[in-house]
Each structure stands twice: as C-alpha cells, then as structure tokens.
Amino acid sequence: MRALSKPETMRKHSVSIRGHRTSITLENAFMDALRQMAGERGIAVAALIADIDGAQETPGNLSSAIRVAVLDWALNTDRRLSDVTETSERQDPM
C-alpha cells in the first residue's frame, strides 16, 4: 500500500505512449484520479494516457490534457451519481 502524500504535490511520471517514452508532471490528486479512471475503464494507466493523447485535437501539453480529461471524468461521475440518487429517491419515496 502506498503512503499517503499531499494531493497538491507535483511529481514527474515516466510513461510509454505507443512505444515512445515521455514524461508528464501531475499533482498527486490528478494522478490518483487518473488511476481510478483507468481502473473504472479496466485499462492500464498508460493506455488511458495514450487515449487522452490521441483525442487531443491539437497536440499540445499532455499534462494539461490529462488534467482536463480527469476533471471531465470527475464532473461526469458526480453527475451520474446524482442521477442515480434522484432516480432511486423517485422510485422509493419514504
């Protein structure tokens, strides 16, 4: 089990994307969320990063693209949870 670290601490991570080694710099909170996102999809973190990289309309800063993807995932996860809660409350009024 990994030791807990400060979520705002930035760390550099090496990753291989389609056979090309590169590095990304992310805050621990974003890296943790990226791992959760990959786990939810049942894919490796490197595969998820490759997907995010491939989805960029204009190739640019990969670390920024990852942050945006994680934020979008987190907001949609929150929205999905709200939808499930609202649906179950409508079906089971107490």
Protein backbone atom coordinates (compact mmCIF):
# COMPACT_ATOMS: atom_id res chain seq x y z
CA MET A 1 0.00 0.00 0.00
CA ARG A 2 1.31 3.42 -0.95
CA ALA A 3 1.90 6.03 1.72
CA LEU A 4 -0.47 8.96 1.57
CA SER A 5 1.08 12.08 0.13
CA LYS A 6 -0.06 15.65 -0.18
CA PRO A 7 -2.59 15.93 -3.05
CA GLU A 8 -1.13 19.23 -4.27
CA THR A 9 2.44 17.90 -4.56
CA MET A 10 3.64 17.78 -8.18
CA ARG A 11 5.51 14.71 -9.40
CA LYS A 12 7.07 13.75 -12.69
CA HIS A 13 5.97 10.39 -14.10
CA SER A 14 7.60 8.49 -16.98
CA VAL A 15 5.23 6.77 -19.38
CA SER A 16 5.46 4.97 -22.69
CA ILE A 17 2.84 6.00 -25.27
CA ARG A 18 2.73 3.84 -28.38
CA GLY A 19 6.39 2.91 -27.93
CA HIS A 20 7.54 6.49 -27.26
CA ARG A 21 8.88 7.37 -23.80
CA THR A 22 7.75 10.69 -22.40
CA SER A 23 7.12 12.26 -19.02
CA ILE A 24 4.17 14.06 -17.51
CA THR A 25 4.06 16.25 -14.45
CA LEU A 26 0.89 15.99 -12.38
CA GLU A 27 -0.28 16.79 -8.90
CA ASN A 28 -0.78 13.66 -6.80
CA ALA A 29 -4.55 14.25 -6.72
CA PHE A 30 -4.73 14.16 -10.52
CA MET A 31 -2.54 11.06 -10.74
CA ASP A 32 -4.69 9.29 -8.15
CA ALA A 33 -7.84 10.22 -10.08
CA LEU A 34 -6.22 9.10 -13.34
CA ARG A 35 -5.55 5.69 -11.75
CA GLN A 36 -9.20 5.48 -10.62
CA MET A 37 -10.37 6.48 -14.10
CA ALA A 38 -8.22 3.76 -15.71
CA GLY A 39 -9.44 1.21 -13.17
CA GLU A 40 -13.06 2.10 -13.85
CA ARG A 41 -12.45 1.53 -17.56
CA GLY A 42 -10.46 -1.66 -16.96
CA ILE A 43 -7.36 -0.43 -18.79
CA ALA A 44 -3.79 0.39 -17.83
CA VAL A 45 -2.92 3.97 -16.93
CA ALA A 46 -0.52 4.12 -19.90
CA ALA A 47 -3.33 3.05 -22.26
CA LEU A 48 -5.60 5.74 -20.84
CA ILE A 49 -2.89 8.36 -21.27
CA ALA A 50 -2.43 7.21 -24.88
CA ASP A 51 -6.21 7.57 -25.41
CA ILE A 52 -6.16 11.09 -23.96
CA ASP A 53 -3.14 11.99 -26.08
CA GLY A 54 -4.81 10.63 -29.22
CA ALA A 55 -8.02 12.56 -28.53
CA GLN A 56 -6.26 15.95 -28.49
CA GLU A 57 -7.46 17.98 -31.47
CA THR A 58 -4.26 20.00 -31.43
CA PRO A 59 -1.26 18.23 -29.95
CA GLY A 60 -0.05 20.26 -27.02
CA ASN A 61 0.69 19.91 -23.36
CA LEU A 62 -0.14 16.31 -22.41
CA SER A 63 -0.18 17.05 -18.68
CA SER A 64 -2.82 19.74 -19.23
CA ALA A 65 -4.86 17.42 -21.46
CA ILE A 66 -4.79 14.79 -18.71
CA ARG A 67 -5.98 17.30 -16.11
CA VAL A 68 -8.88 18.34 -18.36
CA ALA A 69 -9.82 14.68 -19.01
CA VAL A 70 -9.71 13.87 -15.29
CA LEU A 71 -11.81 16.94 -14.46
CA ASP A 72 -14.37 15.98 -17.11
CA TRP A 73 -14.48 12.41 -15.76
CA ALA A 74 -14.88 13.63 -12.18
CA LEU A 75 -17.68 16.04 -13.07
CA ASN A 76 -19.49 13.38 -15.08
CA THR A 77 -19.02 10.83 -12.30
CA ASP A 78 -20.57 13.30 -9.86
CA ARG A 79 -23.42 13.92 -12.29
CA ARG A 80 -24.00 10.17 -12.78
CA LEU A 81 -24.10 9.64 -9.02
CA SER A 82 -26.63 12.47 -8.67
CA ASP A 83 -28.80 10.94 -11.41
CA VAL A 84 -28.74 7.53 -9.69
CA THR A 85 -29.64 9.08 -6.33
CA GLU A 86 -32.52 11.09 -7.83
CA THR A 87 -33.84 8.03 -9.67
CA SER A 88 -33.77 5.84 -6.56
CA GLU A 89 -35.48 8.55 -4.50
CA ARG A 90 -38.28 8.80 -7.07
CA GLN A 91 -38.73 5.03 -7.09
CA ASP A 92 -38.72 4.62 -3.31
CA PRO A 93 -40.42 7.65 -1.69
CA MET A 94 -40.39 7.49 2.09
